[in-house]
Amino acid sequence: MSEFKVTGTILKIKDVQTGTSKAGKEWKKQEFVVKTDAEYNNLYCFTVFGDEKVENLTKYNKEGDKVAVSFNVNTNEWQGKHFTDLGAWRIEKVEGGTVPEPTTQADPISSDLPF
C-alpha cells in the first residue's frame, strides 16, 4: 500500500463530533483542514478518530501551523452512495516549510577500496 502524505498549513480545526456506535460505545472524531502551496486542488479535510487522537490534535497543533500529514484513504458504501474520508494517522510539525528528513550516519569509507 502506498503511503499518502500532504504538507501544508492548518487553516481550520473544526469542532469535536461525538456519537454512539451500534454496539453502544461512545466515539469522538475531529476534522481539520490543511491548505498546500499547490495552485489547484490545494485543500484537504482530514479526520482523526478516537479520544487520544482528538485530544492530541488540539494539544499539539493550532491553526496556522505548518504540518506534514500522513493519512489513509477510506471509502464506505451506504445505500448505494460512496463516502470517502482522509484518516490522518500522523501529524508532524514542519520547520521552514520542508519536512525534516530522518538523519542517518553513513558508514565510514574504508581505505582499502580498490578505487
PDB file of N, CA and C in Angstrom:
ATOM      1  N   MET A   1       0.835  -1.174   0.000  1.00  0.00           N
ATOM      2  CA  MET A   1       0.000   0.000   0.000  1.00  0.00           C
ATOM      3  C   MET A   1       0.882   1.240   0.000  1.00  0.00           C
ATOM      4  N   SER A   2       0.497   2.236  -0.729  1.00  0.00           N
ATOM      5  CA  SER A   2       1.237   3.489  -0.790  1.00  0.00           C
ATOM      6  C   SER A   2       1.002   4.309   0.463  1.00  0.00           C
ATOM      7  N   GLU A   3       2.020   5.066   0.818  1.00  0.00           N
ATOM      8  CA  GLU A   3       1.870   5.997   1.925  1.00  0.00           C
ATOM      9  C   GLU A   3       1.494   7.348   1.347  1.00  0.00           C
ATOM     10  N   PHE A   4       0.418   7.924   1.850  1.00  0.00           N
ATOM     11  CA  PHE A   4      -0.030   9.231   1.400  1.00  0.00           C
ATOM     12  C   PHE A   4       0.424  10.267   2.409  1.00  0.00           C
ATOM     13  N   LYS A   5       0.964  11.377   1.910  1.00  0.00           N
ATOM     14  CA  LYS A   5       1.446  12.441   2.785  1.00  0.00           C
ATOM     15  C   LYS A   5       1.216  13.782   2.097  1.00  0.00           C
ATOM     16  N   VAL A   6       0.718  14.749   2.875  1.00  0.00           N
ATOM     17  CA  VAL A   6       0.471  16.097   2.383  1.00  0.00           C
ATOM     18  C   VAL A   6       1.128  17.067   3.347  1.00  0.00           C
ATOM     19  N   THR A   7       1.793  18.088   2.792  1.00  0.00           N
ATOM     20  CA  THR A   7       2.416  19.118   3.613  1.00  0.00           C
ATOM     21  C   THR A   7       1.733  20.444   3.322  1.00  0.00           C
ATOM     22  N   GLY A   8       1.340  21.144   4.396  1.00  0.00           N
ATOM     23  CA  GLY A   8       0.672  22.421   4.232  1.00  0.00           C
ATOM     24  C   GLY A   8       0.440  23.099   5.571  1.00  0.00           C
ATOM     25  N   THR A   9      -0.454  24.062   5.576  1.00  0.00           N
ATOM     26  CA  THR A   9      -0.763  24.864   6.758  1.00  0.00           C
ATOM     27  C   THR A   9      -2.170  24.541   7.240  1.00  0.00           C
ATOM     28  N   ILE A  10      -2.324  24.371   8.556  1.00  0.00           N
ATOM     29  CA  ILE A  10      -3.656  24.115   9.123  1.00  0.00           C
ATOM     30  C   ILE A  10      -4.468  25.406   9.036  1.00  0.00           C
ATOM     31  N   LEU A  11      -5.560  25.369   8.259  1.00  0.00           N
ATOM     32  CA  LEU A  11      -6.438  26.532   8.117  1.00  0.00           C
ATOM     33  C   LEU A  11      -7.502  26.560   9.196  1.00  0.00           C
ATOM     34  N   LYS A  12      -8.044  25.399   9.522  1.00  0.00           N
ATOM     35  CA  LYS A  12      -9.183  25.325  10.435  1.00  0.00           C
ATOM     36  C   LYS A  12      -9.162  23.998  11.180  1.00  0.00           C
ATOM     37  N   ILE A  13      -9.381  24.072  12.486  1.00  0.00           N
ATOM     38  CA  ILE A  13      -9.621  22.872  13.288  1.00  0.00           C
ATOM     39  C   ILE A  13     -11.080  22.936  13.695  1.00  0.00           C
ATOM     40  N   LYS A  14     -11.871  21.996  13.216  1.00  0.00           N
ATOM     41  CA  LYS A  14     -13.317  22.009  13.439  1.00  0.00           C
ATOM     42  C   LYS A  14     -13.667  21.480  14.822  1.00  0.00           C
ATOM     43  N   ASP A  15     -14.929  21.629  15.194  1.00  0.00           N
ATOM     44  CA  ASP A  15     -15.408  21.169  16.498  1.00  0.00           C
ATOM     45  C   ASP A  15     -15.398  19.642  16.573  1.00  0.00           C
ATOM     46  N   VAL A  16     -15.261  19.127  17.792  1.00  0.00           N
ATOM     47  CA  VAL A  16     -15.282  17.688  18.038  1.00  0.00           C
ATOM     48  C   VAL A  16     -16.695  17.169  17.809  1.00  0.00           C
ATOM     49  N   GLN A  17     -16.793  16.032  17.124  1.00  0.00           N
ATOM     50  CA  GLN A  17     -18.075  15.360  16.914  1.00  0.00           C
ATOM     51  C   GLN A  17     -18.096  14.100  17.771  1.00  0.00           C
ATOM     52  N   THR A  18     -19.228  13.802  18.389  1.00  0.00           N
ATOM     53  CA  THR A  18     -19.349  12.610  19.226  1.00  0.00           C
ATOM     54  C   THR A  18     -20.582  11.824  18.809  1.00  0.00           C
ATOM     55  N   GLY A  19     -20.610  10.568  19.231  1.00  0.00           N
ATOM     56  CA  GLY A  19     -21.758   9.726  18.938  1.00  0.00           C
ATOM     57  C   GLY A  19     -21.640   8.404  19.662  1.00  0.00           C
ATOM     58  N   THR A  20     -22.585   7.530  19.366  1.00  0.00           N
ATOM     59  CA  THR A  20     -22.616   6.197  19.965  1.00  0.00           C
ATOM     60  C   THR A  20     -22.717   5.173  18.846  1.00  0.00           C
ATOM     61  N   SER A  21     -21.847   4.156  18.899  1.00  0.00           N
ATOM     62  CA  SER A  21     -21.843   3.117  17.872  1.00  0.00           C
ATOM     63  C   SER A  21     -23.036   2.182  18.052  1.00  0.00           C
ATOM     64  N   LYS A  22     -23.259   1.306  17.075  1.00  0.00           N
ATOM     65  CA  LYS A  22     -24.324   0.304  17.183  1.00  0.00           C
ATOM     66  C   LYS A  22     -24.121  -0.599  18.388  1.00  0.00           C
ATOM     67  N   ALA A  23     -22.849  -0.787  18.769  1.00  0.00           N
ATOM     68  CA  ALA A  23     -22.514  -1.637  19.923  1.00  0.00           C
ATOM     69  C   ALA A  23     -22.673  -0.889  21.249  1.00  0.00           C
ATOM     70  N   GLY A  24     -23.042   0.396  21.187  1.00  0.00           N
ATOM     71  CA  GLY A  24     -23.262   1.166  22.402  1.00  0.00           C
ATOM     72  C   GLY A  24     -22.029   1.866  22.943  1.00  0.00           C
ATOM     73  N   LYS A  25     -20.941   1.879  22.186  1.00  0.00           N
ATOM     74  CA  LYS A  25     -19.713   2.540  22.647  1.00  0.00           C
ATOM     75  C   LYS A  25     -19.680   3.986  22.159  1.00  0.00           C
ATOM     76  N   GLU A  26     -19.222   4.872  23.041  1.00  0.00           N
ATOM     77  CA  GLU A  26     -19.078   6.275  22.697  1.00  0.00           C
ATOM     78  C   GLU A  26     -17.853   6.465  21.789  1.00  0.00           C
ATOM     79  N   TRP A  27     -17.935   7.397  20.834  1.00  0.00           N
ATOM     80  CA  TRP A  27     -16.799   7.695  19.962  1.00  0.00           C
ATOM     81  C   TRP A  27     -16.673   9.202  19.788  1.00  0.00           C
ATOM     82  N   LYS A  28     -15.460   9.625  19.392  1.00  0.00           N
ATOM     83  CA  LYS A  28     -15.159  11.027  19.097  1.00  0.00           C
ATOM     84  C   LYS A  28     -14.371  11.092  17.807  1.00  0.00           C
ATOM     85  N   LYS A  29     -14.619  12.145  17.037  1.00  0.00           N
ATOM     86  CA  LYS A  29     -13.791  12.414  15.869  1.00  0.00           C
ATOM     87  C   LYS A  29     -13.715  13.919  15.692  1.00  0.00           C
ATOM     88  N   GLN A  30     -12.673  14.347  14.989  1.00  0.00           N
ATOM     89  CA  GLN A  30     -12.488  15.770  14.733  1.00  0.00           C
ATOM     90  C   GLN A  30     -11.872  15.946  13.360  1.00  0.00           C
ATOM     91  N   GLU A  31     -12.313  16.956  12.655  1.00  0.00           N
ATOM     92  CA  GLU A  31     -11.787  17.254  11.331  1.00  0.00           C
ATOM     93  C   GLU A  31     -10.919  18.504  11.387  1.00  0.00           C
ATOM     94  N   PHE A  32      -9.937  18.545  10.491  1.00  0.00           N
ATOM     95  CA  PHE A  32      -9.114  19.745  10.336  1.00  0.00           C
ATOM     96  C   PHE A  32      -8.766  19.909   8.865  1.00  0.00           C
ATOM     97  N   VAL A  33      -8.624  21.163   8.451  1.00  0.00           N
ATOM     98  CA  VAL A  33      -8.395  21.486   7.041  1.00  0.00           C
ATOM     99  C   VAL A  33      -6.967  21.985   6.863  1.00  0.00           C
ATOM    100  N   VAL A  34      -6.286  21.413   5.877  1.00  0.00           N
ATOM    101  CA  VAL A  34      -4.910  21.792   5.541  1.00  0.00           C
ATOM    102  C   VAL A  34      -4.898  22.348   4.123  1.00  0.00           C
ATOM    103  N   LYS A  35      -4.188  23.468   3.947  1.00  0.00           N
ATOM    104  CA  LYS A  35      -4.023  24.060   2.616  1.00  0.00           C
ATOM    105  C   LYS A  35      -2.565  23.919   2.210  1.00  0.00           C
ATOM    106  N   THR A  36      -2.346  23.388   1.010  1.00  0.00           N
ATOM    107  CA  THR A  36      -0.992  23.220   0.486  1.00  0.00           C
ATOM    108  C   THR A  36      -0.634  24.430  -0.371  1.00  0.00           C
ATOM    109  N   ASP A  37       0.594  24.448  -0.869  1.00  0.00           N
ATOM    110  CA  ASP A  37       1.055  25.526  -1.742  1.00  0.00           C
ATOM    111  C   ASP A  37       0.709  25.279  -3.208  1.00  0.00           C
ATOM    112  N   ALA A  38       0.052  24.161  -3.515  1.00  0.00           N
ATOM    113  CA  ALA A  38      -0.301  23.839  -4.897  1.00  0.00           C
ATOM    114  C   ALA A  38      -1.286  24.874  -5.444  1.00  0.00           C
ATOM    115  N   GLU A  39      -1.233  25.105  -6.744  1.00  0.00           N
ATOM    116  CA  GLU A  39      -2.116  26.090  -7.363  1.00  0.00           C
ATOM    117  C   GLU A  39      -3.566  25.610  -7.396  1.00  0.00           C
ATOM    118  N   TYR A  40      -3.762  24.335  -7.686  1.00  0.00           N
ATOM    119  CA  TYR A  40      -5.105  23.766  -7.775  1.00  0.00           C
ATOM    120  C   TYR A  40      -5.219  22.595  -6.816  1.00  0.00           C
ATOM    121  N   ASN A  41      -6.454  22.276  -6.434  1.00  0.00           N
ATOM    122  CA  ASN A  41      -6.728  21.146  -5.534  1.00  0.00           C
ATOM    123  C   ASN A  41      -5.821  21.196  -4.309  1.00  0.00           C
ATOM    124  N   ASN A  42      -5.849  22.311  -3.622  1.00  0.00           N
ATOM    125  CA  ASN A  42      -4.912  22.510  -2.523  1.00  0.00           C
ATOM    126  C   ASN A  42      -5.537  22.448  -1.128  1.00  0.00           C
ATOM    127  N   LEU A  43      -6.802  22.071  -1.014  1.00  0.00           N
ATOM    128  CA  LEU A  43      -7.449  21.930   0.290  1.00  0.00           C
ATOM    129  C   LEU A  43      -7.731  20.469   0.589  1.00  0.00           C
ATOM    130  N   TYR A  44      -7.398  20.047   1.820  1.00  0.00           N
ATOM    131  CA  TYR A  44      -7.630  18.680   2.257  1.00  0.00           C
ATOM    132  C   TYR A  44      -8.295  18.730   3.629  1.00  0.00           C
ATOM    133  N   CYS A  45      -9.396  18.013   3.783  1.00  0.00           N
ATOM    134  CA  CYS A  45     -10.069  17.920   5.077  1.00  0.00           C
ATOM    135  C   CYS A  45      -9.789  16.527   5.647  1.00  0.00           C
ATOM    136  N   PHE A  46      -9.009  16.485   6.728  1.00  0.00           N
ATOM    137  CA  PHE A  46      -8.612  15.233   7.365  1.00  0.00           C
ATOM    138  C   PHE A  46      -9.465  14.968   8.598  1.00  0.00           C
ATOM    139  N   THR A  47      -9.524  13.705   8.998  1.00  0.00           N
ATOM    140  CA  THR A  47     -10.252  13.294  10.191  1.00  0.00           C
ATOM    141  C   THR A  47      -9.316  12.537  11.115  1.00  0.00           C
ATOM    142  N   VAL A  48      -9.408  12.832  12.425  1.00  0.00           N
ATOM    143  CA  VAL A  48      -8.773  11.995  13.443  1.00  0.00           C
ATOM    144  C   VAL A  48      -9.906  11.365  14.239  1.00  0.00           C
ATOM    145  N   PHE A  49      -9.739  10.088  14.597  1.00  0.00           N
ATOM    146  CA  PHE A  49     -10.812   9.333  15.246  1.00  0.00           C
ATOM    147  C   PHE A  49     -10.290   8.703  16.531  1.00  0.00           C
ATOM    148  N   GLY A  50     -11.035   8.853  17.603  1.00  0.00           N
ATOM    149  CA  GLY A  50     -10.670   8.260  18.886  1.00  0.00           C
ATOM    150  C   GLY A  50     -10.289   9.328  19.899  1.00  0.00           C
ATOM    151  N   ASP A  51     -10.531   9.043  21.181  1.00  0.00           N
ATOM    152  CA  ASP A  51     -10.291  10.012  22.256  1.00  0.00           C
ATOM    153  C   ASP A  51      -8.873  10.563  22.248  1.00  0.00           C
ATOM    154  N   GLU A  52      -7.872   9.675  22.193  1.00  0.00           N
ATOM    155  CA  GLU A  52      -6.476  10.104  22.283  1.00  0.00           C
ATOM    156  C   GLU A  52      -6.071  10.975  21.098  1.00  0.00           C
ATOM    157  N   LYS A  53      -6.458  10.567  19.890  1.00  0.00           N
ATOM    158  CA  LYS A  53      -6.078  11.328  18.694  1.00  0.00           C
ATOM    159  C   LYS A  53      -6.758  12.696  18.670  1.00  0.00           C
ATOM    160  N   VAL A  54      -8.019  12.754  19.090  1.00  0.00           N
ATOM    161  CA  VAL A  54      -8.731  14.029  19.141  1.00  0.00           C
ATOM    162  C   VAL A  54      -8.069  14.955  20.156  1.00  0.00           C
ATOM    163  N   GLU A  55      -7.726  14.419  21.319  1.00  0.00           N
ATOM    164  CA  GLU A  55      -7.067  15.216  22.353  1.00  0.00           C
ATOM    165  C   GLU A  55      -5.709  15.735  21.874  1.00  0.00           C
ATOM    166  N   ASN A  56      -4.925  14.868  21.231  1.00  0.00           N
ATOM    167  CA  ASN A  56      -3.592  15.254  20.766  1.00  0.00           C
ATOM    168  C   ASN A  56      -3.626  16.272  19.629  1.00  0.00           C
ATOM    169  N   LEU A  57      -4.682  16.241  18.807  1.00  0.00           N
ATOM    170  CA  LEU A  57      -4.778  17.193  17.693  1.00  0.00           C
ATOM    171  C   LEU A  57      -4.743  18.621  18.217  1.00  0.00           C
ATOM    172  N   THR A  58      -5.598  18.935  19.179  1.00  0.00           N
ATOM    173  CA  THR A  58      -5.654  20.312  19.680  1.00  0.00           C
ATOM    174  C   THR A  58      -4.585  20.600  20.726  1.00  0.00           C
ATOM    175  N   LYS A  59      -4.034  19.567  21.329  1.00  0.00           N
ATOM    176  CA  LYS A  59      -2.983  19.756  22.329  1.00  0.00           C
ATOM    177  C   LYS A  59      -1.672  20.187  21.665  1.00  0.00           C
ATOM    178  N   TYR A  60      -1.349  19.598  20.519  1.00  0.00           N
ATOM    179  CA  TYR A  60      -0.058  19.831  19.871  1.00  0.00           C
ATOM    180  C   TYR A  60      -0.117  20.672  18.602  1.00  0.00           C
ATOM    181  N   ASN A  61      -1.310  21.012  18.116  1.00  0.00           N
ATOM    182  CA  ASN A  61      -1.442  21.752  16.861  1.00  0.00           C
ATOM    183  C   ASN A  61      -2.424  22.898  17.023  1.00  0.00           C
ATOM    184  N   LYS A  62      -2.211  23.931  16.200  1.00  0.00           N
ATOM    185  CA  LYS A  62      -3.141  25.056  16.180  1.00  0.00           C
ATOM    186  C   LYS A  62      -3.239  25.573  14.743  1.00  0.00           C
ATOM    187  N   GLU A  63      -4.261  26.358  14.493  1.00  0.00           N
ATOM    188  CA  GLU A  63      -4.437  26.942  13.170  1.00  0.00           C
ATOM    189  C   GLU A  63      -3.229  27.806  12.841  1.00  0.00           C
ATOM    190  N   GLY A  64      -2.725  27.676  11.617  1.00  0.00           N
ATOM    191  CA  GLY A  64      -1.544  28.414  11.186  1.00  0.00           C
ATOM    192  C   GLY A  64      -0.265  27.597  11.232  1.00  0.00           C
ATOM    193  N   ASP A  65      -0.285  26.435  11.912  1.00  0.00           N
ATOM    194  CA  ASP A  65       0.900  25.579  11.976  1.00  0.00           C
ATOM    195  C   ASP A  65       1.165  24.929  10.624  1.00  0.00           C
ATOM    196  N   LYS A  66       2.454  24.839  10.263  1.00  0.00           N
ATOM    197  CA  LYS A  66       2.853  24.080   9.071  1.00  0.00           C
ATOM    198  C   LYS A  66       3.064  22.641   9.504  1.00  0.00           C
ATOM    199  N   VAL A  67       2.400  21.711   8.806  1.00  0.00           N
ATOM    200  CA  VAL A  67       2.430  20.302   9.190  1.00  0.00           C
ATOM    201  C   VAL A  67       2.570  19.398   7.972  1.00  0.00           C
ATOM    202  N   ALA A  68       3.040  18.191   8.227  1.00  0.00           N
ATOM    203  CA  ALA A  68       3.037  17.116   7.237  1.00  0.00           C
ATOM    204  C   ALA A  68       2.095  16.052   7.790  1.00  0.00           C
ATOM    205  N   VAL A  69       1.063  15.711   7.037  1.00  0.00           N
ATOM    206  CA  VAL A  69       0.039  14.782   7.494  1.00  0.00           C
ATOM    207  C   VAL A  69       0.143  13.487   6.703  1.00  0.00           C
ATOM    208  N   SER A  70       0.362  12.379   7.418  1.00  0.00           N
ATOM    209  CA  SER A  70       0.315  11.054   6.803  1.00  0.00           C
ATOM    210  C   SER A  70      -1.100  10.522   7.011  1.00  0.00           C
ATOM    211  N   PHE A  71      -1.673   9.914   5.980  1.00  0.00           N
ATOM    212  CA  PHE A  71      -3.079   9.529   6.074  1.00  0.00           C
ATOM    213  C   PHE A  71      -3.413   8.328   5.212  1.00  0.00           C
ATOM    214  N   ASN A  72      -4.573   7.745   5.501  1.00  0.00           N
ATOM    215  CA  ASN A  72      -5.148   6.673   4.705  1.00  0.00           C
ATOM    216  C   ASN A  72      -6.412   7.199   4.042  1.00  0.00           C
ATOM    217  N   VAL A  73      -6.733   6.665   2.882  1.00  0.00           N
ATOM    218  CA  VAL A  73      -7.972   6.998   2.198  1.00  0.00           C
ATOM    219  C   VAL A  73      -8.942   5.857   2.455  1.00  0.00           C
ATOM    220  N   ASN A  74     -10.082   6.190   3.056  1.00  0.00           N
ATOM    221  CA  ASN A  74     -11.092   5.187   3.395  1.00  0.00           C
ATOM    222  C   ASN A  74     -12.392   5.519   2.667  1.00  0.00           C
ATOM    223  N   THR A  75     -12.995   4.532   2.020  1.00  0.00           N
ATOM    224  CA  THR A  75     -14.274   4.739   1.349  1.00  0.00           C
ATOM    225  C   THR A  75     -15.272   3.709   1.846  1.00  0.00           C
ATOM    226  N   ASN A  76     -16.462   4.182   2.195  1.00  0.00           N
ATOM    227  CA  ASN A  76     -17.544   3.307   2.654  1.00  0.00           C
ATOM    228  C   ASN A  76     -18.756   3.505   1.754  1.00  0.00           C
ATOM    229  N   GLU A  77     -19.544   2.442   1.592  1.00  0.00           N
ATOM    230  CA  GLU A  77     -20.754   2.486   0.796  1.00  0.00           C
ATOM    231  C   GLU A  77     -21.949   2.406   1.737  1.00  0.00           C
ATOM    232  N   TRP A  78     -22.946   3.261   1.514  1.00  0.00           N
ATOM    233  CA  TRP A  78     -24.178   3.220   2.295  1.00  0.00           C
ATOM    234  C   TRP A  78     -25.329   3.574   1.376  1.00  0.00           C
ATOM    235  N   GLN A  79     -26.246   2.658   1.227  1.00  0.00           N
ATOM    236  CA  GLN A  79     -27.437   2.808   0.391  1.00  0.00           C
ATOM    237  C   GLN A  79     -27.087   3.258  -1.030  1.00  0.00           C
ATOM    238  N   GLY A  80     -26.075   2.623  -1.595  1.00  0.00           N
ATOM    239  CA  GLY A  80     -25.684   2.897  -2.970  1.00  0.00           C
ATOM    240  C   GLY A  80     -24.837   4.141  -3.169  1.00  0.00           C
ATOM    241  N   LYS A  81     -24.551   4.863  -2.085  1.00  0.00           N
ATOM    242  CA  LYS A  81     -23.695   6.046  -2.172  1.00  0.00           C
ATOM    243  C   LYS A  81     -22.360   5.737  -1.521  1.00  0.00           C
ATOM    244  N   HIS A  82     -21.302   6.374  -2.029  1.00  0.00           N
ATOM    245  CA  HIS A  82     -19.961   6.156  -1.503  1.00  0.00           C
ATOM    246  C   HIS A  82     -19.450   7.425  -0.827  1.00  0.00           C
ATOM    247  N   PHE A  83     -18.829   7.236   0.327  1.00  0.00           N
ATOM    248  CA  PHE A  83     -18.301   8.335   1.124  1.00  0.00           C
ATOM    249  C   PHE A  83     -16.821   8.089   1.366  1.00  0.00           C
ATOM    250  N   THR A  84     -16.003   9.079   1.059  1.00  0.00           N
ATOM    251  CA  THR A  84     -14.554   8.954   1.201  1.00  0.00           C
ATOM    252  C   THR A  84     -14.070   9.845   2.336  1.00  0.00           C
ATOM    253  N   ASP A  85     -13.143   9.308   3.133  1.00  0.00           N
ATOM    254  CA  ASP A  85     -12.608  10.002   4.297  1.00  0.00           C
ATOM    255  C   ASP A  85     -11.086   9.929   4.249  1.00  0.00           C
ATOM    256  N   LEU A  86     -10.422  11.026   4.610  1.00  0.00           N
ATOM    257  CA  LEU A  86      -8.964  11.043   4.716  1.00  0.00           C
ATOM    258  C   LEU A  86      -8.623  10.929   6.199  1.00  0.00           C
ATOM    259  N   GLY A  87      -8.270   9.725   6.628  1.00  0.00           N
ATOM    260  CA  GLY A  87      -7.998   9.458   8.035  1.00  0.00           C
ATOM    261  C   GLY A  87      -6.538   9.706   8.384  1.00  0.00           C
ATOM    262  N   ALA A  88      -6.272  10.800   9.100  1.00  0.00           N
ATOM    263  CA  ALA A  88      -4.902  11.150   9.485  1.00  0.00           C
ATOM    264  C   ALA A  88      -4.417  10.206  10.571  1.00  0.00           C
ATOM    265  N   TRP A  89      -3.193   9.688  10.429  1.00  0.00           N
ATOM    266  CA  TRP A  89      -2.629   8.819  11.456  1.00  0.00           C
ATOM    267  C   TRP A  89      -1.304   9.357  11.997  1.00  0.00           C
ATOM    268  N   ARG A  90      -0.763  10.380  11.360  1.00  0.00           N
ATOM    269  CA  ARG A  90       0.438  11.051  11.892  1.00  0.00           C
ATOM    270  C   ARG A  90       0.414  12.506  11.437  1.00  0.00           C
ATOM    271  N   ILE A  91       0.667  13.407  12.398  1.00  0.00           N
ATOM    272  CA  ILE A  91       0.753  14.829  12.099  1.00  0.00           C
ATOM    273  C   ILE A  91       2.084  15.304  12.653  1.00  0.00           C
ATOM    274  N   GLU A  92       2.959  15.770  11.751  1.00  0.00           N
ATOM    275  CA  GLU A  92       4.294  16.214  12.151  1.00  0.00           C
ATOM    276  C   GLU A  92       4.445  17.698  11.868  1.00  0.00           C
ATOM    277  N   LYS A  93       5.077  18.411  12.790  1.00  0.00           N
ATOM    278  CA  LYS A  93       5.378  19.825  12.566  1.00  0.00           C
ATOM    279  C   LYS A  93       6.437  19.930  11.473  1.00  0.00           C
ATOM    280  N   VAL A  94       6.336  20.967  10.660  1.00  0.00           N
ATOM    281  CA  VAL A  94       7.296  21.212   9.590  1.00  0.00           C
ATOM    282  C   VAL A  94       8.010  22.512   9.919  1.00  0.00           C
ATOM    283  N   GLU A  95       9.320  22.474   9.875  1.00  0.00           N
ATOM    284  CA  GLU A  95      10.117  23.663  10.153  1.00  0.00           C
ATOM    285  C   GLU A  95      10.625  24.254   8.847  1.00  0.00           C
ATOM    286  N   GLY A  96      10.441  25.534   8.674  1.00  0.00           N
ATOM    287  CA  GLY A  96      10.965  26.216   7.492  1.00  0.00           C
ATOM    288  C   GLY A  96      10.304  25.805   6.199  1.00  0.00           C
ATOM    289  N   GLY A  97       9.138  25.176   6.262  1.00  0.00           N
ATOM    290  CA  GLY A  97       8.402  24.810   5.063  1.00  0.00           C
ATOM    291  C   GLY A  97       8.825  23.507   4.422  1.00  0.00           C
ATOM    292  N   THR A  98       9.773  22.776   5.014  1.00  0.00           N
ATOM    293  CA  THR A  98      10.163  21.485   4.463  1.00  0.00           C
ATOM    294  C   THR A  98      10.066  20.428   5.549  1.00  0.00           C
ATOM    295  N   VAL A  99       9.763  19.230   5.143  1.00  0.00           N
ATOM    296  CA  VAL A  99       9.669  18.128   6.094  1.00  0.00           C
ATOM    297  C   VAL A  99      11.071  17.680   6.461  1.00  0.00           C
ATOM    298  N   PRO A 100      11.395  17.649   7.770  1.00  0.00           N
ATOM    299  CA  PRO A 100      12.733  17.200   8.135  1.00  0.00           C
ATOM    300  C   PRO A 100      12.919  15.720   7.800  1.00  0.00           C
ATOM    301  N   GLU A 101      14.016  15.406   7.158  1.00  0.00           N
ATOM    302  CA  GLU A 101      14.335  14.022   6.808  1.00  0.00           C
ATOM    303  C   GLU A 101      15.011  13.354   7.996  1.00  0.00           C
ATOM    304  N   PRO A 102      14.754  12.064   8.204  1.00  0.00           N
ATOM    305  CA  PRO A 102      15.458  11.380   9.285  1.00  0.00           C
ATOM    306  C   PRO A 102      16.953  11.372   9.012  1.00  0.00           C
ATOM    307  N   THR A 103      17.725  11.596  10.046  1.00  0.00           N
ATOM    308  CA  THR A 103      19.175  11.617   9.854  1.00  0.00           C
ATOM    309  C   THR A 103      19.739  10.220  10.056  1.00  0.00           C
ATOM    310  N   THR A 104      20.604   9.846   9.145  1.00  0.00           N
ATOM    311  CA  THR A 104      21.296   8.561   9.267  1.00  0.00           C
ATOM    312  C   THR A 104      22.773   8.836   9.081  1.00  0.00           C
ATOM    313  N   GLN A 105      23.566   8.092   9.761  1.00  0.00           N
ATOM    314  CA  GLN A 105      25.004   8.278   9.651  1.00  0.00           C
ATOM    315  C   GLN A 105      25.550   7.247   8.671  1.00  0.00           C
ATOM    316  N   ALA A 106      26.274   7.735   7.687  1.00  0.00           N
ATOM    317  CA  ALA A 106      26.847   6.845   6.679  1.00  0.00           C
ATOM    318  C   ALA A 106      27.992   6.046   7.292  1.00  0.00           C
ATOM    319  N   ASP A 107      28.191   4.876   6.740  1.00  0.00           N
ATOM    320  CA  ASP A 107      29.321   4.055   7.180  1.00  0.00           C
ATOM    321  C   ASP A 107      30.616   4.738   6.766  1.00  0.00           C
ATOM    322  N   PRO A 108      31.618   4.713   7.625  1.00  0.00           N
ATOM    323  CA  PRO A 108      32.887   5.326   7.231  1.00  0.00           C
ATOM    324  C   PRO A 108      33.464   4.609   6.018  1.00  0.00           C
ATOM    325  N   ILE A 109      34.087   5.379   5.150  1.00  0.00           N
ATOM    326  CA  ILE A 109      34.663   4.811   3.934  1.00  0.00           C
ATOM    327  C   ILE A 109      35.944   4.064   4.298  1.00  0.00           C
ATOM    328  N   SER A 110      36.019   2.869   3.819  1.00  0.00           N
ATOM    329  CA  SER A 110      37.198   2.038   4.094  1.00  0.00           C
ATOM    330  C   SER A 110      38.357   2.489   3.199  1.00  0.00           C
ATOM    331  N   SER A 111      39.554   2.515   3.746  1.00  0.00           N
ATOM    332  CA  SER A 111      40.712   2.946   2.975  1.00  0.00           C
ATOM    333  C   SER A 111      41.286   1.861   2.107  1.00  0.00           C
ATOM    334  N   ASP A 112      40.754   0.638   2.187  1.00  0.00           N
ATOM    335  CA  ASP A 112      41.317  -0.443   1.393  1.00  0.00           C
ATOM    336  C   ASP A 112      40.473  -0.721   0.111  1.00  0.00           C
ATOM    337  N   LEU A 113      39.674   0.241  -0.330  1.00  0.00           N
ATOM    338  CA  LEU A 113      38.901   0.054  -1.542  1.00  0.00           C
ATOM    339  C   LEU A 113      39.824   0.108  -2.748  1.00  0.00           C
ATOM    340  N   PRO A 114      39.565  -0.695  -3.786  1.00  0.00           N
ATOM    341  CA  PRO A 114      40.439  -0.721  -4.962  1.00  0.00           C
ATOM    342  C   PRO A 114      40.264   0.489  -5.870  1.00  0.00           C
ATOM    343  N   PHE A 115      39.360   1.383  -5.611  1.00  0.00           N
ATOM    344  CA  PHE A 115      39.196   2.551  -6.492  1.00  0.00           C
ATOM    345  C   PHE A 115      39.182   3.831  -5.723  1.00  0.00           C
TER     346      PHE A 115
END
